[in-house]
Protein backbone atom coordinates (compact mmCIF):
# COMPACT_ATOMS: atom_id res chain seq x y z
CA MET A 1 6.55 -31.45 -10.93
CA SER A 2 10.02 -32.22 -9.64
CA GLU A 3 11.88 -29.61 -7.66
CA ILE A 4 14.03 -27.79 -10.16
CA GLN A 5 17.36 -26.54 -8.83
CA ASN A 6 18.66 -23.88 -11.17
CA THR A 7 22.45 -23.76 -11.05
CA LYS A 8 23.24 -21.31 -13.81
CA PRO A 9 26.07 -18.95 -12.68
CA ALA A 10 24.00 -15.94 -13.69
CA GLN A 11 21.49 -16.80 -10.96
CA VAL A 12 23.87 -16.99 -7.99
CA LYS A 13 23.40 -13.40 -6.87
CA LEU A 14 19.59 -13.45 -7.02
CA ILE A 15 19.04 -17.06 -5.87
CA PRO A 16 21.08 -18.04 -2.78
CA GLU A 17 21.26 -21.77 -2.05
CA THR A 18 21.00 -21.70 1.76
CA LEU A 19 18.50 -20.46 4.34
CA GLY A 20 21.15 -18.12 5.76
CA GLY A 21 21.82 -16.72 2.31
CA GLU A 22 18.10 -16.18 1.75
CA ILE A 23 17.74 -14.37 5.08
CA LYS A 24 20.65 -12.11 4.15
CA SER A 25 19.23 -11.36 0.68
CA PHE A 26 15.74 -10.81 2.09
CA MET A 27 16.92 -8.42 4.81
CA TRP A 28 19.13 -6.46 2.41
CA LEU A 29 16.12 -5.92 0.19
CA GLY A 30 13.42 -5.82 2.87
CA ILE A 31 14.82 -3.39 5.44
CA PRO A 32 15.02 -0.39 3.10
CA LEU A 33 11.70 -1.32 1.48
CA ALA A 34 10.03 -1.52 4.89
CA PHE A 35 11.43 1.79 6.06
CA ALA A 36 10.64 3.41 2.71
CA GLN A 37 7.00 2.32 3.14
CA LEU A 38 7.03 3.62 6.70
CA VAL A 39 8.63 6.92 5.80
CA GLN A 40 6.33 7.41 2.81
CA PHE A 41 3.28 6.74 4.97
CA MET A 42 4.63 9.25 7.47
CA VAL A 43 3.36 11.89 5.05
CA TYR A 44 -0.19 10.92 6.04
CA THR A 45 0.72 10.65 9.72
CA ILE A 46 2.33 14.09 9.70
CA ASP A 47 -0.71 15.46 7.87
CA ALA A 48 -3.00 13.90 10.50
CA VAL A 49 -0.98 15.33 13.40
CA MET A 50 -0.71 18.81 11.88
CA ILE A 51 -4.34 18.91 10.72
CA GLY A 52 -5.45 17.56 14.11
CA ARG A 53 -4.20 20.80 15.69
CA LEU A 54 -6.85 22.64 13.67
CA GLY A 55 -9.67 20.66 15.33
CA GLN A 56 -11.61 17.42 15.15
CA THR A 57 -13.83 18.71 12.31
CA GLU A 58 -10.79 19.31 10.11
CA LEU A 59 -9.29 15.96 11.12
CA ALA A 60 -12.54 14.16 10.27
CA ALA A 61 -12.66 16.00 6.92
CA SER A 62 -9.09 15.00 6.09
CA SER A 63 -9.98 11.39 6.90
CA LEU A 64 -12.96 11.55 4.55
CA GLY A 65 -10.93 13.26 1.82
CA ILE A 66 -8.14 10.69 2.01
CA VAL A 67 -10.71 7.90 1.79
CA MET A 68 -12.06 9.34 -1.45
CA PHE A 69 -8.55 9.86 -2.82
CA PHE A 70 -7.63 6.26 -2.11
CA ILE A 71 -10.72 4.96 -3.82
CA ILE A 72 -9.21 6.27 -7.05
CA TRP A 73 -5.70 5.23 -6.08
CA MET A 74 -6.77 1.66 -5.35
CA LEU A 75 -8.49 1.31 -8.72
CA GLY A 76 -5.25 2.26 -10.45
CA SER A 77 -2.86 0.43 -8.15
CA GLY A 78 -2.85 -2.82 -10.14
CA ALA A 79 -0.98 -1.14 -12.99
CA VAL A 80 1.98 -0.50 -10.69
CA PHE A 81 1.70 -3.61 -8.50
CA ALA A 82 1.98 -5.76 -11.64
CA VAL A 83 5.44 -4.31 -12.29
CA THR A 84 6.95 -6.37 -9.45
CA PRO A 85 6.12 -9.93 -10.62
CA LEU A 86 6.74 -9.14 -14.29
CA VAL A 87 10.13 -7.53 -13.70
CA SER A 88 11.32 -9.85 -10.91
CA GLN A 89 10.44 -13.01 -12.84
CA ALA A 90 12.11 -11.65 -15.98
CA MET A 91 15.25 -10.92 -13.96
CA GLY A 92 15.10 -14.32 -12.24
CA ALA A 93 15.05 -16.02 -15.63
CA ASN A 94 17.82 -13.83 -17.10
CA GLN A 95 19.68 -11.11 -15.21
CA ASN A 96 20.74 -9.56 -18.50
CA GLU A 97 17.12 -9.00 -19.57
CA ARG A 98 16.43 -5.36 -20.48
CA HIS A 99 13.73 -5.22 -23.17
CA HIS A 100 10.91 -6.86 -21.21
CA VAL A 101 11.69 -4.82 -18.10
CA ARG A 102 11.74 -1.55 -20.04
CA ILE A 103 8.41 -2.05 -21.78
CA THR A 104 6.77 -3.22 -18.55
CA VAL A 105 7.69 -0.02 -16.72
CA ARG A 106 6.83 2.12 -19.74
CA MET A 107 3.35 0.71 -20.19
CA SER A 108 2.60 0.87 -16.48
CA LEU A 109 3.16 4.63 -16.74
CA TRP A 110 0.86 4.72 -19.77
CA LEU A 111 -1.86 3.03 -17.73
CA VAL A 112 -1.46 5.62 -15.00
CA MET A 113 -1.96 8.42 -17.51
CA PHE A 114 -5.17 6.82 -18.79
CA LEU A 115 -6.57 6.96 -15.25
CA ILE A 116 -6.33 10.75 -14.88
CA PRO A 117 -9.80 11.49 -16.38
CA LEU A 118 -11.31 8.93 -13.99
CA ALA A 119 -9.70 10.70 -11.05
CA ILE A 120 -11.07 14.09 -12.12
CA ALA A 121 -14.55 12.68 -12.70
CA PHE A 122 -14.61 11.09 -9.27
CA ALA A 123 -13.51 14.30 -7.57
CA ALA A 124 -16.43 16.07 -9.25
CA ILE A 125 -18.99 13.74 -7.64
CA ALA A 126 -17.27 13.28 -4.27
CA TYR A 127 -19.28 15.92 -2.41
CA PRO A 128 -22.72 14.60 -3.49
CA ILE A 129 -21.63 11.07 -2.58
CA SER A 130 -20.52 12.24 0.84
CA MET A 131 -23.84 13.97 1.48
CA MET A 132 -25.83 10.95 0.28
CA THR A 133 -24.05 8.75 2.82
CA GLY A 134 -25.17 10.94 5.71
CA GLN A 135 -21.91 12.74 6.46
CA ASP A 136 -21.78 16.06 8.28
CA PRO A 137 -22.24 18.91 5.71
CA GLU A 138 -19.29 20.93 6.99
CA VAL A 139 -17.02 17.89 7.03
CA SER A 140 -18.18 16.95 3.51
CA LYS A 141 -17.43 20.39 2.08
CA LEU A 142 -13.96 20.53 3.64
CA ALA A 143 -13.23 16.98 2.45
CA SER A 144 -14.25 17.83 -1.13
CA ASP A 145 -12.00 20.90 -1.20
CA TYR A 146 -9.14 18.81 0.19
CA LEU A 147 -9.66 16.10 -2.45
CA TRP A 148 -9.47 18.60 -5.31
CA MET A 149 -6.06 19.67 -4.04
CA LEU A 150 -4.86 16.04 -3.92
CA ILE A 151 -5.96 15.15 -7.48
CA PRO A 152 -3.01 16.86 -9.27
CA GLY A 153 -0.68 14.57 -7.34
CA PHE A 154 -2.59 11.40 -8.27
CA PRO A 155 -0.59 10.35 -11.38
CA PHE A 156 2.68 11.12 -9.63
CA ALA A 157 1.67 9.01 -6.60
CA LEU A 158 1.12 5.95 -8.81
CA GLY A 159 4.11 6.73 -11.00
CA ILE A 160 6.39 6.77 -7.96
CA MET A 161 5.25 3.26 -7.07
CA ALA A 162 5.93 1.99 -10.59
CA LEU A 163 9.50 3.30 -10.43
CA ARG A 164 10.02 2.03 -6.87
CA ASN A 165 8.77 -1.46 -7.78
CA PHE A 166 11.10 -1.54 -10.78
CA LEU A 167 14.05 -0.49 -8.61
CA ALA A 168 13.21 -3.04 -5.91
CA SER A 169 13.08 -5.81 -8.52
CA ILE A 170 16.68 -5.02 -9.49
CA ASP A 171 17.75 -4.78 -5.81
CA LYS A 172 17.94 -0.98 -5.72
CA THR A 173 16.35 0.05 -2.43
CA TRP A 174 18.75 2.05 -0.24
CA VAL A 175 18.97 5.23 -2.33
CA PRO A 176 15.17 5.20 -2.87
CA LEU A 177 14.83 5.10 0.92
CA ALA A 178 17.01 8.22 1.22
CA LEU A 179 14.97 9.94 -1.49
CA THR A 180 11.75 9.09 0.35
CA VAL A 181 13.09 10.65 3.56
CA LEU A 182 13.91 13.81 1.61
CA VAL A 183 10.39 13.95 0.19
CA VAL A 184 8.80 13.60 3.63
CA ALA A 185 10.93 16.49 4.91
CA PHE A 186 9.86 18.53 1.87
CA ASN A 187 6.18 17.76 2.53
CA THR A 188 6.48 18.62 6.22
CA GLY A 189 8.02 21.99 5.40
CA LEU A 190 5.23 22.76 2.93
CA ASN A 191 2.64 21.78 5.55
CA TYR A 192 4.20 24.16 8.04
CA VAL A 193 3.91 27.16 5.75
CA LEU A 194 0.67 26.31 3.90
CA ILE A 195 -1.52 24.90 6.69
CA TYR A 196 -0.71 27.52 9.32
CA GLY A 197 0.32 30.46 7.13
CA ASN A 198 3.92 30.72 8.39
CA LEU A 199 6.82 32.58 6.77
CA GLY A 200 4.50 35.04 5.03
CA PHE A 201 2.37 32.43 3.24
CA PRO A 202 -1.44 32.53 3.43
CA ARG A 203 -3.13 30.31 6.04
CA LEU A 204 -4.84 27.67 3.86
CA GLU A 205 -5.46 24.99 6.53
CA LEU A 206 -6.84 21.77 4.99
CA VAL A 207 -6.51 23.05 1.42
CA GLY A 208 -2.87 23.87 2.16
CA ALA A 209 -2.27 20.29 3.31
CA GLY A 210 -3.67 19.01 0.01
CA ILE A 211 -1.48 21.35 -2.04
CA ALA A 212 1.56 20.28 -0.05
CA SER A 213 0.84 16.60 -0.67
CA SER A 214 0.43 17.05 -4.44
CA MET A 215 3.64 19.05 -4.66
CA ALA A 216 5.47 16.38 -2.67
CA TYR A 217 4.21 13.64 -5.02
CA ALA A 218 5.47 15.57 -8.06
CA PHE A 219 8.80 16.29 -6.37
CA SER A 220 9.21 12.61 -5.46
CA PHE A 221 8.47 11.37 -8.98
CA GLY A 222 11.07 13.79 -10.34
CA LEU A 223 13.70 12.53 -7.90
CA PHE A 224 13.01 8.87 -8.69
CA GLY A 225 13.06 9.58 -12.42
CA ILE A 226 16.45 11.28 -12.13
CA TYR A 227 17.81 8.37 -10.08
CA CYS A 228 16.65 5.86 -12.70
CA TYR A 229 18.56 7.91 -15.26
CA VAL A 230 21.84 8.43 -13.37
CA ASP A 231 22.32 5.16 -11.43
CA LYS A 232 24.68 2.90 -13.36
CA GLN A 233 22.59 -0.27 -13.12
CA ALA A 234 19.15 1.34 -13.40
CA LYS A 235 20.34 3.46 -16.33
CA SER A 236 21.19 0.32 -18.31
CA PHE A 237 17.46 -0.49 -18.55
CA ARG A 238 16.75 2.87 -20.27
CA ILE A 239 13.18 2.80 -18.99
CA PHE A 240 12.35 6.20 -20.48
CA LYS A 241 13.65 5.27 -23.93
CA ARG A 242 10.90 5.96 -26.50
CA VAL A 243 8.44 6.40 -23.65
CA TRP A 244 5.90 7.73 -26.16
CA ARG A 245 5.87 4.44 -28.11
CA PRO A 246 3.06 2.01 -27.14
CA HIS A 247 3.57 -1.70 -26.67
CA TRP A 248 0.02 -3.02 -26.68
CA SER A 249 0.71 -6.67 -25.92
CA ARG A 250 2.51 -5.67 -22.71
CA PHE A 251 -0.25 -3.16 -21.99
CA ARG A 252 -2.79 -5.99 -22.17
CA LYS A 253 -0.63 -8.19 -19.93
CA LEU A 254 -0.43 -5.43 -17.33
CA VAL A 255 -4.19 -5.00 -17.47
CA LYS A 256 -4.79 -8.76 -17.25
CA LEU A 257 -2.47 -9.16 -14.28
CA GLY A 258 -3.16 -5.79 -12.73
CA TRP A 259 -6.96 -5.55 -12.65
CA PRO A 260 -7.40 -8.43 -10.16
CA MET A 261 -4.73 -6.76 -8.00
CA SER A 262 -6.64 -3.48 -8.18
CA VAL A 263 -9.90 -5.20 -7.25
CA THR A 264 -8.19 -7.09 -4.40
CA THR A 265 -6.71 -3.86 -3.06
CA PHE A 266 -10.09 -2.17 -3.53
CA PHE A 267 -11.90 -4.92 -1.60
CA GLU A 268 -9.52 -4.59 1.35
CA GLY A 269 -8.98 -0.84 1.33
CA MET A 270 -12.63 0.00 0.82
CA LEU A 271 -13.66 -1.95 3.91
CA PHE A 272 -11.46 0.28 6.05
CA ASN A 273 -12.45 3.38 4.15
CA VAL A 274 -16.19 2.73 4.12
CA CYS A 275 -15.93 2.40 7.88
CA VAL A 276 -15.05 6.11 7.93
CA PHE A 277 -18.57 6.75 6.60
CA VAL A 278 -20.10 4.26 9.05
CA VAL A 279 -18.36 5.85 12.03
CA GLY A 280 -19.29 9.31 10.66
CA ILE A 281 -22.95 8.34 11.05
CA ILE A 282 -22.26 7.63 14.74
CA GLY A 283 -20.56 11.00 15.39
CA VAL A 284 -17.82 13.48 14.42
CA ALA A 285 -15.72 12.69 17.52
CA GLU A 286 -15.92 8.98 16.69
CA GLN A 287 -14.92 9.71 13.09
CA ALA A 288 -11.87 11.70 14.19
CA ALA A 289 -10.95 8.94 16.66
CA TYR A 290 -11.33 6.28 13.98
CA HIS A 291 -8.93 8.23 11.78
CA VAL A 292 -6.37 8.16 14.60
CA GLY A 293 -6.80 4.42 15.19
CA LEU A 294 -6.64 3.61 11.50
CA ASN A 295 -3.57 5.79 11.01
CA VAL A 296 -1.74 4.07 13.87
CA ALA A 297 -2.63 0.59 12.60
CA ALA A 298 -1.67 1.51 9.04
CA LEU A 299 1.61 3.06 10.21
CA CYS A 300 2.57 -0.19 11.97
CA PHE A 301 1.39 -2.16 8.94
CA MET A 302 3.91 -0.39 6.69
CA LEU A 303 6.92 -2.28 8.09
CA PRO A 304 5.65 -5.84 7.50
CA PHE A 305 4.04 -4.63 4.26
CA GLY A 306 7.40 -3.39 3.00
CA MET A 307 9.02 -6.64 4.08
CA SER A 308 6.32 -8.65 2.30
CA MET A 309 7.00 -6.64 -0.86
CA ALA A 310 10.59 -7.85 -0.61
CA GLY A 311 9.19 -11.37 -0.26
CA SER A 312 7.21 -10.87 -3.46
CA VAL A 313 10.42 -9.93 -5.29
CA ARG A 314 12.32 -12.87 -3.81
CA VAL A 315 9.56 -15.32 -4.77
CA GLY A 316 9.39 -13.76 -8.24
CA HIS A 317 13.11 -14.28 -8.77
CA ALA A 318 12.81 -17.92 -7.68
CA ALA A 319 9.76 -18.53 -9.88
CA GLY A 320 11.47 -16.96 -12.88
CA ALA A 321 14.49 -19.18 -12.32
CA GLY A 322 12.30 -22.30 -11.97
CA ASN A 323 13.73 -22.94 -8.49
CA LEU A 324 11.15 -24.46 -6.11
CA PRO A 325 13.47 -24.94 -3.08
CA ALA A 326 14.46 -21.26 -3.30
CA LEU A 327 10.81 -20.27 -3.57
CA LYS A 328 10.00 -22.19 -0.38
CA ARG A 329 12.97 -20.68 1.47
CA ALA A 330 11.89 -17.18 0.47
CA SER A 331 8.37 -17.92 1.72
CA TYR A 332 9.51 -19.25 5.12
CA VAL A 333 11.77 -16.26 5.68
CA THR A 334 9.18 -13.69 4.63
CA PHE A 335 6.38 -15.09 6.76
CA GLY A 336 8.53 -15.65 9.87
CA ILE A 337 10.19 -12.23 9.93
CA CYS A 338 7.01 -10.31 9.11
CA MET A 339 4.95 -12.00 11.82
CA ILE A 340 7.61 -11.50 14.50
CA LEU A 341 7.89 -7.83 13.55
CA MET A 342 4.14 -7.24 13.65
CA ALA A 343 3.75 -9.03 16.98
CA ALA A 344 6.28 -6.66 18.55
CA LEU A 345 4.50 -3.61 17.11
CA ALA A 346 1.08 -4.86 18.26
CA LEU A 347 2.32 -5.26 21.83
CA PHE A 348 3.69 -1.71 21.81
CA VAL A 349 0.42 -0.23 20.53
CA ALA A 350 -1.74 -2.18 22.99
CA ASN A 351 0.33 -1.02 25.96
CA ASN A 352 0.73 2.65 24.97
CA ALA A 353 -2.71 3.71 23.72
CA GLU A 354 -3.00 6.90 25.81
CA MET A 355 0.45 8.14 24.88
CA ILE A 356 -0.07 7.46 21.17
CA THR A 357 -3.42 9.27 20.93
CA GLY A 358 -1.83 12.30 22.58
CA PHE A 359 0.31 12.81 19.48
CA TYR A 360 -2.76 13.23 17.29
CA LEU A 361 -5.29 15.12 19.38
CA SER A 362 -4.86 18.00 21.84
CA ASP A 363 -6.27 18.04 25.37
CA SER A 364 -9.18 20.17 24.15
CA GLU A 365 -10.38 17.18 22.10
CA ALA A 366 -10.81 14.96 25.16
CA ALA A 367 -13.81 13.03 23.83
CA ALA A 368 -12.07 12.00 20.60
CA ARG A 369 -8.88 11.11 22.52
CA THR A 370 -10.74 8.82 24.91
CA ILE A 371 -12.53 7.05 22.07
CA ALA A 372 -9.32 6.66 20.06
CA ALA A 373 -7.53 5.15 23.07
CA SER A 374 -10.30 2.54 23.37
CA PHE A 375 -9.80 1.58 19.70
CA LEU A 376 -6.07 0.91 19.81
CA PRO A 377 -5.95 -2.36 21.82
CA ILE A 378 -8.46 -3.89 19.38
CA ALA A 379 -6.49 -2.53 16.43
CA ALA A 380 -3.36 -4.13 17.90
CA ALA A 381 -5.08 -7.53 17.91
CA PHE A 382 -6.21 -7.40 14.30
CA MET A 383 -2.77 -6.20 13.19
CA LEU A 384 -1.58 -9.82 13.47
CA PHE A 385 -4.26 -11.02 11.05
CA ASP A 386 -3.44 -8.07 8.80
CA ALA A 387 0.21 -9.07 8.65
CA ALA A 388 -0.62 -12.70 7.88
CA GLN A 389 -2.97 -11.83 5.02
CA VAL A 390 -0.64 -9.28 3.41
CA VAL A 391 2.30 -11.70 3.46
CA ALA A 392 0.25 -14.43 1.82
CA ASN A 393 -1.16 -11.98 -0.72
CA GLN A 394 2.24 -10.54 -1.66
CA LEU A 395 3.81 -13.98 -2.03
CA LEU A 396 0.96 -15.03 -4.31
CA ARG A 397 1.46 -11.88 -6.38
CA GLY A 398 5.13 -12.75 -6.77
CA MET A 399 3.92 -15.98 -8.38
CA LYS A 400 1.41 -14.12 -10.61
CA ASP A 401 -1.50 -15.72 -8.75
CA VAL A 402 -4.10 -12.95 -8.59
CA ASN A 403 -7.58 -14.27 -9.43
CA TRP A 404 -8.22 -16.54 -6.44
CA PRO A 405 -6.89 -13.92 -3.99
CA MET A 406 -9.32 -11.43 -5.52
CA LEU A 407 -12.22 -13.83 -4.85
CA PHE A 408 -11.06 -14.67 -1.32
CA THR A 409 -10.64 -11.03 -0.30
CA GLY A 410 -14.05 -10.15 -1.71
CA VAL A 411 -15.70 -12.84 0.41
CA SER A 412 -13.59 -12.09 3.50
CA TYR A 413 -14.12 -8.37 3.62
CA TRP A 414 -17.59 -7.91 2.13
CA ILE A 415 -19.47 -11.16 2.82
CA VAL A 416 -18.01 -11.57 6.31
CA GLY A 417 -16.38 -8.35 7.52
CA PHE A 418 -18.76 -5.66 6.32
CA PRO A 419 -22.01 -7.20 7.65
CA VAL A 420 -20.33 -7.61 11.05
CA VAL A 421 -19.21 -3.96 10.92
CA ILE A 422 -22.75 -2.76 10.19
CA TRP A 423 -24.41 -5.00 12.76
CA LEU A 424 -22.03 -4.30 15.63
CA GLY A 425 -21.44 -0.64 14.76
CA LEU A 426 -24.98 0.56 14.10
CA TYR A 427 -27.28 -1.96 15.79
CA THR A 428 -25.55 -2.88 19.06
CA PRO A 429 -24.36 -0.86 22.10
CA LEU A 430 -20.76 -1.44 21.00
CA GLY A 431 -21.08 1.38 18.47
CA ALA A 432 -17.77 2.50 16.99
CA VAL A 433 -15.88 -0.18 18.94
CA GLY A 434 -17.96 -2.80 17.14
CA VAL A 435 -16.67 -1.47 13.82
CA TRP A 436 -13.18 -2.59 14.82
CA TYR A 437 -14.40 -6.08 15.70
CA GLY A 438 -15.95 -6.31 12.25
CA LEU A 439 -12.65 -5.33 10.66
CA MET A 440 -10.91 -8.03 12.68
CA ALA A 441 -13.38 -10.67 11.48
CA GLY A 442 -12.76 -9.80 7.82
CA LEU A 443 -8.98 -9.84 8.24
CA ALA A 444 -9.05 -13.20 10.04
CA VAL A 445 -10.98 -14.88 7.21
CA ALA A 446 -8.66 -13.29 4.61
CA ALA A 447 -5.57 -14.57 6.43
CA ILE A 448 -6.95 -18.13 6.54
CA THR A 449 -8.14 -18.29 2.92
CA LEU A 450 -5.08 -16.64 1.39
CA GLY A 451 -2.81 -18.82 3.51
CA TRP A 452 -4.62 -21.91 2.24
CA ARG A 453 -4.23 -20.74 -1.37
CA PHE A 454 -0.51 -20.23 -0.90
CA TYR A 455 -0.08 -23.70 0.63
CA HIS A 456 -2.12 -25.28 -2.18
CA LEU A 457 -0.01 -23.71 -4.93
CA VAL A 458 3.44 -24.26 -3.47
CA TRP A 459 2.99 -27.72 -1.96
CA ARG A 460 0.29 -29.26 -4.16
CA CYS A 461 0.69 -27.85 -7.70
CA PRO A 462 3.94 -25.86 -8.09
CA GLU A 463 3.97 -26.61 -11.81
CA VAL A 464 1.32 -23.89 -12.21
CA ILE A 465 3.74 -21.33 -10.76
CA PHE A 466 6.49 -22.13 -13.25
CA GLU A 467 4.12 -22.33 -16.21
CA ARG A 468 2.98 -18.79 -15.46
CA ALA A 469 6.55 -17.61 -14.98
CA ALA A 470 7.48 -18.98 -18.40
CA GLU A 471 4.77 -16.97 -20.15
CA THR A 472 6.15 -14.00 -22.06
CA ASP A 473 5.47 -11.72 -25.00
CA MET A 474 7.61 -9.73 -27.37
């Protein structure tokens, strides 16, 4: 297919014609998205730090509870991830489009509501599952109680992402960043009074942390909903208009595009989360230390992840406009900036392991602190592979390419990564350290295979990208 250069005046704002213009557009969108991801994830970091003061048992239980919560979250994530390519490509094709955007957001919220019974059912069997996998009984009981407190916030957590992805696709990111900061402050205040029993509130410890998180999710969804209603540009889409009315063809499209995204996210996320169970078999101190290492790696991951989300929007706009040169420029910029950013973060983590672990665990938890410090240099190394795979994956999503990435991540994480985790973690002297080497192996294979898929689509058969972008329904 020849390289199509779309020159319609309506596309000038979304599709710059120079590399400098693309960098400017990418940074304007990516910086607030990256910091919003970072700030939003700070909720889990703050929870980990505040719960860690209760003891390593409570910290291990919170790690286990969050794992179980994210199992449900990952299964439903495709419904909200699919909003980005559908909305961004619709806007790339026609900036005056409103109908397709509105029904996409509406039906993504419908899908979230349909997942609530699944979340409740999973919470009911979480404790038996935990016990069957050989977890400590006390840790399992605390984790189950914590999970039940998180479940009320589940639909709000996904709903927030649907609204944020819609706003990002119309270049609304700075106010959402401010709203996210406000929500984190709200959650921290609730933690202070509910975990420790300050200001006359009962001391609820881990249960209090779960209640605080659910309340923060609900508060955040309310703020984002209000913003979508009052902002001049966002209001023009009227995304809550006739929200009760189904649009089944768009519902099916969201399911078709979203379920491979959910499975891809599940393949990746479950490798990290299952390792919580694997390390729990080794010991409670190792499990608490793994939670620290994973939290640090995930916290650093949020910045390039947010930037790659901006890349997905930029690629979606270019695909919708049928503009291959713009699509390539967006790809170069996204990959280059994300990798430079992650390299800087990895160097910082590798050289400051002792200081970082001190934020999570007190001196009385010396064993867990020492183990966590040994994890961080390895985590820093695999962060580079993590950044490469997420950039490739997000760019492919912006082009509505979701089936091959699902297959590649399944092979990378479960045919390669997981066996290495089990072998090194449970059958060699490396123990918990070997778990991290297994994670690195899975991420390396994912980065290579997803990178190949991206190259194949963009340089070998770009006509597939534009054919998918042209697909629509009424």
